[in-house]
Amino acid sequence: MKQEYYFSQMNKDCQAAYRAMLAGFLNIDSEFAVPRLSDQELTDIFFRLRLDHPEIFYACGFGYRYTDVSEYVQLLPKYMFEKKKVREHQKALEGRVNRLIRPAQTLPDVDKEKYIHDFICANVTYDKLKKQYSHEIIGPLQQGIGVCEGIAKTVKLLCDRLGLECIIAISEANPQKGIRYRHAWNVIRLGKTWYHLDATFDNSLGRYGAPRFDYFNLDDKKLFLDHQPLIYPVPACGDGNHFYYKENRLSLTKPEDVGKRLAAVFRKKKPYFVFHWRGGALSRDLLEQFLNEAQTMALERGLFVRVSVNVPQSVVEISISEKPFVSGICKEEADEGA
């Protein structure tokens, strides 16, 4: 199911240019005619086309020429690789994607989403050097590295292949807050409802070993607690009831419930306990209460614990280890380069 969301938001003139660009890029043409629009319009169409079609990973820019009387411009695409190499990458990617999606094809939609999320978190490392191919699907799928754009495009491609409606969302940079770059994530439709999924942010939070789902099926209210405003509008995400931790009974409201669940984690000898707190403000005193209770249980078993917290999303991870590490409470920020 190919979701051409950004195409659907364009006027007819821009849609005509979009279709001409798509055909030319798919054919890897050295030049092709596109309806004449302003430079800004053509640049914007090119950007949004590649959000709808992450399989055009090799198209990295364009120039154009025209005559004053022409209704068209001759687009002169810039490709990341020569045509033969593009075909080789396409063949390799097709094989990789087919192998990846095969085990998930008969799963319910939410399990397909989790399968894609878990693949990213287990197999992709954030590329701090931000190489060109890390912005495209070949980074995560062939090299095992990517930045948010490449990760969001990979999620979109896999969703398309598994029949999930999926959009890539792009937010503004905010240098005043130390956010130097735009950020990309996904909006996925389950049934008739849209949800935010930020696999890059969840991937950045897995540093202590626990799989994280802090950004799995968030509504607008929760997502924009730590995401910047969007460049392009996407469908509203108004349902907060299918947030991963809430749906899996890991959204707790009472300290005694945290204690009971934590005791079970120690009995089962699990290395971590992750939960979402929705029992009011997640204060320093409350976090110290969780830490003290965990330390007491750990000392009885000769173990060590550490508490980390994603403050904006009110998610707490209690890590348990046989080896000593710096104990205490660590503020954990989800971001691209963590």
Protein backbone atom coordinates (compact mmCIF):
# COMPACT_ATOMS: atom_id res chain seq x y z
CA MET A 1 0.00 0.00 0.00
CA LYS A 2 1.75 3.15 -1.20
CA GLN A 3 0.67 6.18 0.79
CA GLU A 4 1.31 9.27 -1.36
CA TYR A 5 0.24 11.69 1.33
CA TYR A 6 2.22 14.71 0.15
CA PHE A 7 1.04 14.24 -3.43
CA SER A 8 -2.54 14.43 -2.17
CA GLN A 9 -1.83 17.82 -0.54
CA MET A 10 -0.66 19.49 -3.78
CA ASN A 11 -2.57 21.48 -6.40
CA LYS A 12 -2.93 20.07 -9.93
CA ASP A 13 0.08 21.91 -11.38
CA CYS A 14 2.36 20.64 -8.63
CA GLN A 15 0.90 17.14 -8.97
CA ALA A 16 1.75 17.15 -12.68
CA ALA A 17 5.35 18.11 -11.88
CA TYR A 18 5.45 15.47 -9.15
CA ARG A 19 4.37 12.75 -11.60
CA ALA A 20 6.90 13.87 -14.21
CA MET A 21 9.70 13.85 -11.62
CA LEU A 22 8.68 10.43 -10.32
CA ALA A 23 8.71 8.89 -13.79
CA GLY A 24 12.07 10.44 -14.65
CA PHE A 25 13.74 9.40 -11.40
CA LEU A 26 12.36 5.85 -11.55
CA ASN A 27 13.80 5.54 -15.04
CA ILE A 28 17.09 7.11 -13.86
CA ASP A 29 16.95 9.47 -16.85
CA SER A 30 19.78 11.94 -17.35
CA GLU A 31 17.22 14.67 -18.12
CA PHE A 32 13.47 14.94 -18.56
CA ALA A 33 10.72 17.52 -19.03
CA VAL A 34 8.76 18.86 -16.06
CA PRO A 35 5.99 21.50 -16.07
CA ARG A 36 7.51 24.91 -15.52
CA LEU A 37 7.05 26.15 -11.98
CA SER A 38 9.07 28.43 -9.73
CA ASP A 39 12.40 27.26 -8.33
CA GLN A 40 10.89 27.14 -4.85
CA GLU A 41 7.93 25.05 -6.00
CA LEU A 42 10.14 22.54 -7.83
CA THR A 43 12.46 22.25 -4.81
CA ASP A 44 9.51 21.68 -2.51
CA ILE A 45 7.98 19.05 -4.82
CA PHE A 46 11.31 17.22 -5.02
CA PHE A 47 11.59 17.17 -1.23
CA ARG A 48 8.05 15.91 -0.66
CA LEU A 49 8.26 13.39 -3.51
CA ARG A 50 11.15 11.69 -1.73
CA LEU A 51 9.13 11.55 1.50
CA ASP A 52 6.35 9.72 -0.36
CA HIS A 53 8.81 7.54 -2.30
CA PRO A 54 11.85 6.60 -0.19
CA GLU A 55 12.76 4.01 -2.83
CA ILE A 56 14.16 6.90 -4.88
CA PHE A 57 17.17 6.88 -2.55
CA TYR A 58 19.63 7.73 -5.30
CA ALA A 59 18.10 11.10 -6.36
CA CYS A 60 20.01 13.71 -4.36
CA GLY A 61 19.33 16.97 -6.19
CA PHE A 62 18.66 18.60 -9.55
CA GLY A 63 19.30 21.53 -11.80
CA TYR A 64 17.26 22.63 -14.82
CA ARG A 65 17.28 24.68 -17.98
CA TYR A 66 14.50 26.32 -19.97
CA THR A 67 13.67 28.84 -22.65
CA ASP A 68 11.56 31.91 -22.00
CA VAL A 69 8.67 30.66 -24.15
CA SER A 70 8.60 27.07 -22.91
CA GLU A 71 5.88 25.70 -20.64
CA TYR A 72 8.34 23.05 -19.42
CA VAL A 73 11.81 22.93 -17.94
CA GLN A 74 14.39 20.24 -18.65
CA LEU A 75 15.20 18.78 -15.28
CA LEU A 76 18.82 17.71 -14.85
CA PRO A 77 18.84 15.26 -11.94
CA LYS A 78 21.81 14.59 -9.69
CA TYR A 79 22.24 10.98 -8.67
CA MET A 80 24.23 9.56 -5.77
CA PHE A 81 25.53 6.74 -7.98
CA GLU A 82 25.91 5.99 -11.67
CA LYS A 83 22.99 4.12 -13.26
CA LYS A 84 24.60 0.66 -13.14
CA LYS A 85 25.39 1.06 -9.45
CA VAL A 86 21.85 2.26 -8.74
CA ARG A 87 20.48 -0.93 -10.30
CA GLU A 88 22.84 -3.02 -8.18
CA HIS A 89 21.70 -1.27 -5.02
CA GLN A 90 18.04 -1.66 -6.03
CA LYS A 91 18.48 -5.40 -6.52
CA ALA A 92 20.25 -5.81 -3.18
CA LEU A 93 17.65 -3.71 -1.37
CA GLU A 94 14.76 -5.65 -2.90
CA GLY A 95 16.23 -8.90 -1.64
CA ARG A 96 16.86 -7.42 1.79
CA VAL A 97 13.35 -5.99 2.10
CA ASN A 98 11.69 -9.20 0.90
CA ARG A 99 13.55 -11.19 3.54
CA LEU A 100 12.69 -8.66 6.22
CA ILE A 101 8.96 -8.44 5.61
CA ARG A 102 8.33 -12.16 5.07
CA PRO A 103 7.91 -13.05 8.79
CA ALA A 104 5.57 -10.10 9.40
CA GLN A 105 3.17 -10.34 6.47
CA THR A 106 0.36 -12.15 8.34
CA LEU A 107 0.67 -10.22 11.61
CA PRO A 108 -2.00 -7.78 12.86
CA ASP A 109 -1.23 -4.18 11.92
CA VAL A 110 0.01 -3.09 15.36
CA ASP A 111 2.35 -6.10 15.45
CA LYS A 112 3.65 -5.18 12.00
CA GLU A 113 4.38 -1.71 13.35
CA LYS A 114 6.21 -3.18 16.36
CA TYR A 115 8.16 -5.55 14.12
CA ILE A 116 9.44 -2.59 12.07
CA HIS A 117 10.17 -0.53 15.20
CA ASP A 118 12.09 -3.40 16.79
CA PHE A 119 14.09 -4.01 13.62
CA ILE A 120 15.26 -0.39 13.66
CA CYS A 121 16.14 -0.41 17.36
CA ALA A 122 18.02 -3.71 17.16
CA ASN A 123 19.86 -3.23 13.88
CA VAL A 124 20.47 0.46 13.18
CA THR A 125 23.10 2.69 14.81
CA TYR A 126 22.79 6.46 14.61
CA ASP A 127 25.38 7.89 12.23
CA LYS A 128 26.93 10.83 14.06
CA LEU A 129 29.01 11.65 10.98
CA LYS A 130 25.77 12.07 9.00
CA LYS A 131 27.05 10.53 5.76
CA GLN A 132 24.96 11.22 2.68
CA TYR A 133 23.60 7.68 2.39
CA SER A 134 22.54 7.74 6.06
CA HIS A 135 19.72 10.10 5.01
CA GLU A 136 18.36 7.40 2.70
CA ILE A 137 17.12 3.81 3.05
CA ILE A 138 20.46 2.33 2.01
CA GLY A 139 21.99 3.55 5.28
CA PRO A 140 19.77 1.56 7.66
CA LEU A 141 19.09 -1.34 5.28
CA GLN A 142 22.56 -1.91 3.82
CA GLN A 143 25.02 -0.29 6.21
CA GLY A 144 23.17 -0.60 9.52
CA ILE A 145 23.52 3.14 10.18
CA GLY A 146 21.25 6.12 9.63
CA VAL A 147 20.05 9.51 10.77
CA CYS A 148 16.44 10.34 11.53
CA GLU A 149 15.57 10.97 7.87
CA GLY A 150 17.00 7.65 6.70
CA ILE A 151 15.33 5.82 9.59
CA ALA A 152 11.93 7.43 8.94
CA LYS A 153 12.23 6.61 5.23
CA THR A 154 13.07 2.99 6.08
CA VAL A 155 10.03 2.75 8.38
CA LYS A 156 7.88 4.21 5.59
CA LEU A 157 9.22 1.77 2.99
CA LEU A 158 8.63 -1.26 5.22
CA CYS A 159 5.15 -0.02 6.18
CA ASP A 160 4.29 0.42 2.48
CA ARG A 161 5.40 -3.13 1.79
CA LEU A 162 3.43 -4.51 4.73
CA GLY A 163 0.23 -2.64 3.88
CA LEU A 164 0.36 -0.02 6.62
CA GLU A 165 -0.53 3.58 5.82
CA CYS A 166 2.48 5.64 6.82
CA ILE A 167 3.64 9.26 6.47
CA ILE A 168 7.01 10.84 7.18
CA ALA A 169 6.64 13.89 9.44
CA ILE A 170 9.25 16.67 9.43
CA SER A 171 9.69 19.26 12.18
CA GLU A 172 11.48 22.58 12.22
CA ALA A 173 14.92 23.14 13.71
CA ASN A 174 15.13 25.42 16.74
CA PRO A 175 18.70 26.72 17.25
CA GLN A 176 17.60 28.79 20.27
CA LYS A 177 16.82 25.52 22.05
CA GLY A 178 19.97 23.83 20.78
CA ILE A 179 18.08 21.92 18.06
CA ARG A 180 20.25 22.56 15.01
CA TYR A 181 18.57 20.23 12.54
CA ARG A 182 15.14 19.30 11.32
CA HIS A 183 13.82 16.02 12.71
CA ALA A 184 11.92 13.23 10.94
CA TRP A 185 9.64 10.52 12.30
CA ASN A 186 6.50 8.68 11.16
CA VAL A 187 2.75 8.91 11.48
CA ILE A 188 1.02 5.54 11.08
CA ARG A 189 -2.64 4.68 10.62
CA LEU A 190 -4.09 1.79 12.62
CA GLY A 191 -7.72 1.21 11.74
CA LYS A 192 -9.15 4.69 11.28
CA THR A 193 -6.77 6.42 13.68
CA TRP A 194 -3.34 8.00 13.21
CA TYR A 195 -0.47 7.73 15.72
CA HIS A 196 3.06 9.11 16.01
CA LEU A 197 5.98 6.67 15.92
CA ASP A 198 9.52 7.98 16.44
CA ALA A 199 11.85 4.99 16.05
CA THR A 200 14.94 7.25 16.09
CA PHE A 201 14.12 8.60 19.56
CA ASP A 202 13.34 5.12 20.92
CA ASN A 203 16.60 3.86 19.44
CA SER A 204 18.51 6.62 21.24
CA LEU A 205 17.05 5.51 24.59
CA GLY A 206 18.14 1.87 24.37
CA ARG A 207 21.67 2.58 25.64
CA TYR A 208 21.22 0.56 28.86
CA GLY A 209 19.86 -2.51 27.10
CA ALA A 210 16.11 -2.24 27.62
CA PRO A 211 13.90 -2.03 24.53
CA ARG A 212 12.17 1.32 24.66
CA PHE A 213 8.72 2.33 23.43
CA ASP A 214 8.52 5.89 24.74
CA TYR A 215 7.51 7.15 21.27
CA PHE A 216 5.36 4.25 20.12
CA ASN A 217 1.81 5.36 19.23
CA LEU A 218 1.79 8.77 20.86
CA ASP A 219 -0.94 11.33 20.40
CA ASP A 220 -0.23 14.95 19.45
CA LYS A 221 -0.31 16.18 23.05
CA LYS A 222 2.41 13.78 24.20
CA LEU A 223 4.55 13.88 21.06
CA PHE A 224 4.91 17.65 20.98
CA LEU A 225 6.12 17.78 24.56
CA ASP A 226 9.61 17.31 23.09
CA HIS A 227 9.18 17.71 19.31
CA GLN A 228 9.23 20.97 17.39
CA PRO A 229 6.34 22.25 15.19
CA LEU A 230 5.84 20.58 11.83
CA ILE A 231 7.01 21.97 8.50
CA TYR A 232 4.07 20.33 6.70
CA PRO A 233 0.79 19.40 8.43
CA VAL A 234 -0.04 15.74 8.96
CA PRO A 235 -3.30 14.11 10.11
CA ALA A 236 -4.26 14.80 13.70
CA CYS A 237 -3.29 12.12 16.22
CA GLY A 238 -5.88 12.46 18.96
CA ASP A 239 -5.99 9.03 20.57
CA GLY A 240 -3.71 8.49 23.58
CA ASN A 241 -5.18 5.15 24.58
CA HIS A 242 -2.92 2.99 22.41
CA PHE A 243 0.37 4.35 23.73
CA TYR A 244 2.59 1.28 24.08
CA TYR A 245 3.05 1.37 27.86
CA LYS A 246 -0.61 2.04 28.52
CA GLU A 247 -1.72 -0.75 26.18
CA ASN A 248 0.71 -3.20 27.78
CA ARG A 249 -0.25 -2.32 31.36
CA LEU A 250 3.05 -0.62 32.04
CA SER A 251 1.51 2.80 32.71
CA LEU A 252 1.35 3.06 36.52
CA THR A 253 -0.31 5.53 38.87
CA LYS A 254 0.61 4.37 42.40
CA PRO A 255 4.05 3.97 44.04
CA GLU A 256 2.94 0.69 45.62
CA ASP A 257 2.18 -0.69 42.15
CA VAL A 258 5.71 0.19 41.06
CA GLY A 259 7.05 -1.67 44.11
CA LYS A 260 5.00 -4.78 43.37
CA ARG A 261 6.02 -4.86 39.72
CA LEU A 262 9.64 -4.24 40.64
CA ALA A 263 9.62 -7.14 43.12
CA ALA A 264 8.33 -9.41 40.36
CA VAL A 265 11.14 -8.24 38.08
CA PHE A 266 13.73 -9.20 40.70
CA ARG A 267 12.08 -12.59 41.29
CA LYS A 268 12.19 -13.33 37.58
CA LYS A 269 15.81 -12.12 37.38
CA LYS A 270 15.13 -9.65 34.61
CA PRO A 271 17.83 -7.04 33.91
CA TYR A 272 15.52 -4.04 33.71
CA PHE A 273 12.07 -2.64 34.42
CA VAL A 274 10.63 0.13 32.24
CA PHE A 275 7.33 1.84 32.98
CA HIS A 276 5.36 4.99 32.25
CA TRP A 277 4.27 7.13 35.21
CA ARG A 278 0.90 8.83 35.05
CA GLY A 279 0.25 9.31 38.75
CA GLY A 280 0.94 13.03 38.76
CA ALA A 281 4.21 14.93 38.67
CA LEU A 282 7.30 12.74 38.39
CA SER A 283 9.15 14.58 41.16
CA ARG A 284 12.70 14.10 42.42
CA ASP A 285 11.32 12.75 45.71
CA LEU A 286 9.25 10.15 43.87
CA LEU A 287 12.21 9.06 41.75
CA GLU A 288 14.35 8.71 44.88
CA GLN A 289 11.62 6.57 46.40
CA PHE A 290 11.75 4.26 43.38
CA LEU A 291 15.56 4.20 43.55
CA ASN A 292 15.66 3.42 47.29
CA GLU A 293 13.17 0.60 46.92
CA ALA A 294 15.12 -0.85 44.01
CA GLN A 295 18.42 -0.56 45.90
CA THR A 296 16.97 -2.38 48.90
CA MET A 297 15.84 -5.28 46.70
CA ALA A 298 19.17 -5.28 44.86
CA LEU A 299 21.30 -5.35 48.04
CA GLU A 300 19.46 -8.43 49.26
CA ARG A 301 20.65 -10.22 46.12
CA GLY A 302 24.11 -8.70 45.76
CA LEU A 303 23.03 -6.68 42.73
CA PHE A 304 23.27 -3.04 41.65
CA VAL A 305 20.66 -0.69 40.20
CA ARG A 306 20.43 2.58 38.31
CA VAL A 307 17.39 4.73 37.54
CA SER A 308 17.11 6.73 34.34
CA VAL A 309 14.17 8.92 33.40
CA ASN A 310 12.82 10.42 30.18
CA VAL A 311 11.24 13.46 31.80
CA PRO A 312 9.05 14.80 28.93
CA GLN A 313 7.40 11.40 28.40
CA SER A 314 7.45 10.37 32.11
CA VAL A 315 9.11 7.03 31.39
CA VAL A 316 11.38 5.43 34.00
CA GLU A 317 13.93 2.68 33.43
CA ILE A 318 15.37 0.76 36.39
CA SER A 319 18.46 -1.16 35.26
CA ILE A 320 19.68 -4.15 37.29
CA SER A 321 23.19 -5.57 37.04
CA GLU A 322 25.62 -7.96 38.72
CA LYS A 323 28.39 -5.46 38.02
CA PRO A 324 28.69 -2.18 39.91
CA PHE A 325 28.00 1.03 38.05
CA VAL A 326 27.39 4.60 39.07
CA SER A 327 24.18 4.40 41.03
CA GLY A 328 21.65 7.18 41.25
CA ILE A 329 19.16 8.93 39.00
CA CYS A 330 20.11 9.81 35.46
CA LYS A 331 18.10 12.19 33.30
CA GLU A 332 17.85 10.62 29.88
CA GLU A 333 17.05 12.75 26.84
CA ALA A 334 15.79 11.17 23.65
CA ASP A 335 17.56 12.74 20.72
CA GLU A 336 19.12 11.85 17.40
CA GLY A 337 22.75 11.52 18.31
CA ALA A 338 22.53 9.86 21.71
